[in-house]
Amino acid sequence: MGFVVDIPLWGAIAVAFFLLVGASLTLIGAIGFLRLPTFYERIHAPTLGTSWGIGGIMLASMIYFTLSSQRLVIHEILIGIFVTITTPVTLMLLARAALHRDRAENDLNVPSKFRNEQDD
């Protein structure tokens, strides 16, 4: 059978709230990824969804495991730090690579703001 942990009502409400917020933000990011038309518009939505979505899910996990094990559990913060650092860096690298490729091919999908600039 299963291992059932009894946590206080306020803890269960907090866990449910942060799970719903995190999942909703991740869903919004995924919908933005599917609905936005160009690559440059598309890369922004998932990064916000992963950064803020993981924050909500991470908080829910920390609250649940702190209450269920009756000791402070904060190792999820490491996951949040790694995601927060790597997501924007990955976004910038993907955007710069796509911009370089599109400029080299004289593609009209390059945002007008960046058409006449040269790569560093």
C-alpha atoms as a PDB file:
ATOM      1  CA  MET A   1       0.000   0.000   0.000  1.00  0.00           C
ATOM      2  CA  GLY A   2       1.012   3.656   0.014  1.00  0.00           C
ATOM      3  CA  PHE A   3       2.730   5.878   2.509  1.00  0.00           C
ATOM      4  CA  VAL A   4       0.287   8.583   3.616  1.00  0.00           C
ATOM      5  CA  VAL A   5       1.544  11.763   5.258  1.00  0.00           C
ATOM      6  CA  ASP A   6      -0.848  13.994   7.149  1.00  0.00           C
ATOM      7  CA  ILE A   7       0.039  17.656   6.682  1.00  0.00           C
ATOM      8  CA  PRO A   8      -1.853  20.655   8.077  1.00  0.00           C
ATOM      9  CA  LEU A   9      -4.664  22.194   6.053  1.00  0.00           C
ATOM     10  CA  TRP A  10      -2.779  25.490   5.601  1.00  0.00           C
ATOM     11  CA  GLY A  11       0.182  23.524   4.195  1.00  0.00           C
ATOM     12  CA  ALA A  12      -2.007  21.608   1.772  1.00  0.00           C
ATOM     13  CA  ILE A  13      -3.601  24.869   0.583  1.00  0.00           C
ATOM     14  CA  ALA A  14      -0.179  26.497   0.116  1.00  0.00           C
ATOM     15  CA  VAL A  15       1.144  23.468  -1.790  1.00  0.00           C
ATOM     16  CA  ALA A  16      -1.948  23.371  -4.029  1.00  0.00           C
ATOM     17  CA  PHE A  17      -1.740  27.132  -4.661  1.00  0.00           C
ATOM     18  CA  PHE A  18       1.924  27.091  -5.672  1.00  0.00           C
ATOM     19  CA  LEU A  19       1.461  23.966  -7.795  1.00  0.00           C
ATOM     20  CA  LEU A  20      -1.454  25.569  -9.653  1.00  0.00           C
ATOM     21  CA  VAL A  21       0.436  28.851 -10.164  1.00  0.00           C
ATOM     22  CA  GLY A  22       3.567  27.047 -11.382  1.00  0.00           C
ATOM     23  CA  ALA A  23       1.642  24.725 -13.670  1.00  0.00           C
ATOM     24  CA  SER A  24      -0.427  27.629 -15.045  1.00  0.00           C
ATOM     25  CA  LEU A  25       2.666  29.678 -15.862  1.00  0.00           C
ATOM     26  CA  THR A  26       4.276  26.688 -17.532  1.00  0.00           C
ATOM     27  CA  LEU A  27       1.095  26.088 -19.534  1.00  0.00           C
ATOM     28  CA  ILE A  28       0.992  29.751 -20.611  1.00  0.00           C
ATOM     29  CA  GLY A  29       4.600  29.425 -21.782  1.00  0.00           C
ATOM     30  CA  ALA A  30       3.777  26.277 -23.746  1.00  0.00           C
ATOM     31  CA  ILE A  31       0.734  27.896 -25.361  1.00  0.00           C
ATOM     32  CA  GLY A  32       2.827  30.945 -26.254  1.00  0.00           C
ATOM     33  CA  PHE A  33       5.399  28.643 -27.812  1.00  0.00           C
ATOM     34  CA  LEU A  34       2.734  27.041 -29.988  1.00  0.00           C
ATOM     35  CA  ARG A  35       0.767  30.169 -30.898  1.00  0.00           C
ATOM     36  CA  LEU A  36       3.392  32.829 -31.619  1.00  0.00           C
ATOM     37  CA  PRO A  37       4.309  33.013 -35.307  1.00  0.00           C
ATOM     38  CA  THR A  38       8.072  33.658 -35.521  1.00  0.00           C
ATOM     39  CA  PHE A  39      11.077  32.136 -33.824  1.00  0.00           C
ATOM     40  CA  TYR A  40      12.028  35.456 -32.227  1.00  0.00           C
ATOM     41  CA  GLU A  41       8.606  35.846 -30.627  1.00  0.00           C
ATOM     42  CA  ARG A  42       8.416  32.161 -29.756  1.00  0.00           C
ATOM     43  CA  ILE A  43      11.572  31.950 -27.632  1.00  0.00           C
ATOM     44  CA  HIS A  44      10.361  34.441 -25.034  1.00  0.00           C
ATOM     45  CA  ALA A  45       7.223  32.694 -23.762  1.00  0.00           C
ATOM     46  CA  PRO A  46       8.765  29.332 -22.793  1.00  0.00           C
ATOM     47  CA  THR A  47      11.627  30.970 -20.907  1.00  0.00           C
ATOM     48  CA  LEU A  48       9.198  32.876 -18.718  1.00  0.00           C
ATOM     49  CA  GLY A  49       7.122  29.737 -18.277  1.00  0.00           C
ATOM     50  CA  THR A  50      10.088  27.669 -17.181  1.00  0.00           C
ATOM     51  CA  SER A  51      11.616  30.297 -14.900  1.00  0.00           C
ATOM     52  CA  TRP A  52       8.468  31.369 -13.076  1.00  0.00           C
ATOM     53  CA  GLY A  53       6.727  28.015 -13.452  1.00  0.00           C
ATOM     54  CA  ILE A  54       9.609  26.149 -11.841  1.00  0.00           C
ATOM     55  CA  GLY A  55       9.535  28.732  -9.029  1.00  0.00           C
ATOM     56  CA  GLY A  56       5.959  27.870  -8.110  1.00  0.00           C
ATOM     57  CA  ILE A  57       6.490  24.124  -8.330  1.00  0.00           C
ATOM     58  CA  MET A  58       9.739  24.438  -6.371  1.00  0.00           C
ATOM     59  CA  LEU A  59       8.024  26.349  -3.556  1.00  0.00           C
ATOM     60  CA  ALA A  60       5.234  23.768  -3.418  1.00  0.00           C
ATOM     61  CA  SER A  61       7.785  20.970  -3.189  1.00  0.00           C
ATOM     62  CA  MET A  62       9.753  22.718  -0.450  1.00  0.00           C
ATOM     63  CA  ILE A  63       6.618  23.319   1.625  1.00  0.00           C
ATOM     64  CA  TYR A  64       5.323  19.768   1.194  1.00  0.00           C
ATOM     65  CA  PHE A  65       8.568  17.991   2.020  1.00  0.00           C
ATOM     66  CA  THR A  66       9.345  20.336   4.906  1.00  0.00           C
ATOM     67  CA  LEU A  67       5.952  19.603   6.468  1.00  0.00           C
ATOM     68  CA  SER A  68       5.964  15.880   5.714  1.00  0.00           C
ATOM     69  CA  SER A  69       9.488  15.184   6.972  1.00  0.00           C
ATOM     70  CA  GLN A  70       9.221  17.695   9.840  1.00  0.00           C
ATOM     71  CA  ARG A  71      12.591  19.246   8.999  1.00  0.00           C
ATOM     72  CA  LEU A  72      13.653  22.092   6.726  1.00  0.00           C
ATOM     73  CA  VAL A  73      14.015  20.874   3.136  1.00  0.00           C
ATOM     74  CA  ILE A  74      15.467  23.474   0.789  1.00  0.00           C
ATOM     75  CA  HIS A  75      17.613  21.507  -1.668  1.00  0.00           C
ATOM     76  CA  GLU A  76      15.099  22.412  -4.400  1.00  0.00           C
ATOM     77  CA  ILE A  77      16.598  25.904  -4.326  1.00  0.00           C
ATOM     78  CA  LEU A  78      19.606  24.491  -6.214  1.00  0.00           C
ATOM     79  CA  ILE A  79      17.320  23.361  -9.028  1.00  0.00           C
ATOM     80  CA  GLY A  80      15.720  26.807  -9.119  1.00  0.00           C
ATOM     81  CA  ILE A  81      19.110  28.521  -9.241  1.00  0.00           C
ATOM     82  CA  PHE A  82      20.339  26.309 -12.078  1.00  0.00           C
ATOM     83  CA  VAL A  83      17.156  26.813 -14.105  1.00  0.00           C
ATOM     84  CA  THR A  84      17.178  30.567 -13.458  1.00  0.00           C
ATOM     85  CA  ILE A  85      20.787  30.852 -14.624  1.00  0.00           C
ATOM     86  CA  THR A  86      20.698  28.496 -17.596  1.00  0.00           C
ATOM     87  CA  THR A  87      17.373  29.503 -19.150  1.00  0.00           C
ATOM     88  CA  PRO A  88      18.233  33.146 -20.022  1.00  0.00           C
ATOM     89  CA  VAL A  89      21.718  32.165 -21.188  1.00  0.00           C
ATOM     90  CA  THR A  90      20.234  29.530 -23.486  1.00  0.00           C
ATOM     91  CA  LEU A  91      17.679  32.060 -24.758  1.00  0.00           C
ATOM     92  CA  MET A  92      20.412  34.563 -25.637  1.00  0.00           C
ATOM     93  CA  LEU A  93      22.562  31.942 -27.367  1.00  0.00           C
ATOM     94  CA  LEU A  94      19.638  30.635 -29.434  1.00  0.00           C
ATOM     95  CA  ALA A  95      18.521  34.146 -30.387  1.00  0.00           C
ATOM     96  CA  ARG A  96      22.021  35.248 -31.412  1.00  0.00           C
ATOM     97  CA  ALA A  97      22.586  32.071 -33.445  1.00  0.00           C
ATOM     98  CA  ALA A  98      19.250  32.509 -35.234  1.00  0.00           C
ATOM     99  CA  LEU A  99      19.948  36.208 -35.828  1.00  0.00           C
ATOM    100  CA  HIS A 100      23.384  35.442 -37.272  1.00  0.00           C
ATOM    101  CA  ARG A 101      21.924  32.722 -39.519  1.00  0.00           C
ATOM    102  CA  ASP A 102      19.062  34.902 -40.716  1.00  0.00           C
ATOM    103  CA  ARG A 103      21.352  37.851 -41.453  1.00  0.00           C
ATOM    104  CA  ALA A 104      23.756  35.621 -43.400  1.00  0.00           C
ATOM    105  CA  GLU A 105      20.860  34.323 -45.487  1.00  0.00           C
ATOM    106  CA  ASN A 106      19.306  37.809 -45.870  1.00  0.00           C
ATOM    107  CA  ASP A 107      16.123  36.394 -44.412  1.00  0.00           C
ATOM    108  CA  LEU A 108      13.240  38.837 -43.971  1.00  0.00           C
ATOM    109  CA  ASN A 109      12.227  37.187 -40.675  1.00  0.00           C
ATOM    110  CA  VAL A 110      14.899  39.213 -38.882  1.00  0.00           C
ATOM    111  CA  PRO A 111      13.180  41.804 -36.697  1.00  0.00           C
ATOM    112  CA  SER A 112      13.484  45.222 -38.334  1.00  0.00           C
ATOM    113  CA  LYS A 113      15.228  46.564 -35.247  1.00  0.00           C
ATOM    114  CA  PHE A 114      18.176  44.233 -35.926  1.00  0.00           C
ATOM    115  CA  ARG A 115      18.383  44.175 -39.733  1.00  0.00           C
ATOM    116  CA  ASN A 116      21.111  46.776 -40.212  1.00  0.00           C
ATOM    117  CA  GLU A 117      23.290  45.962 -37.183  1.00  0.00           C
ATOM    118  CA  GLN A 118      26.441  43.896 -37.507  1.00  0.00           C
ATOM    119  CA  ASP A 119      27.327  40.930 -35.306  1.00  0.00           C
ATOM    120  CA  ASP A 120      29.921  41.568 -32.602  1.00  0.00           C
END
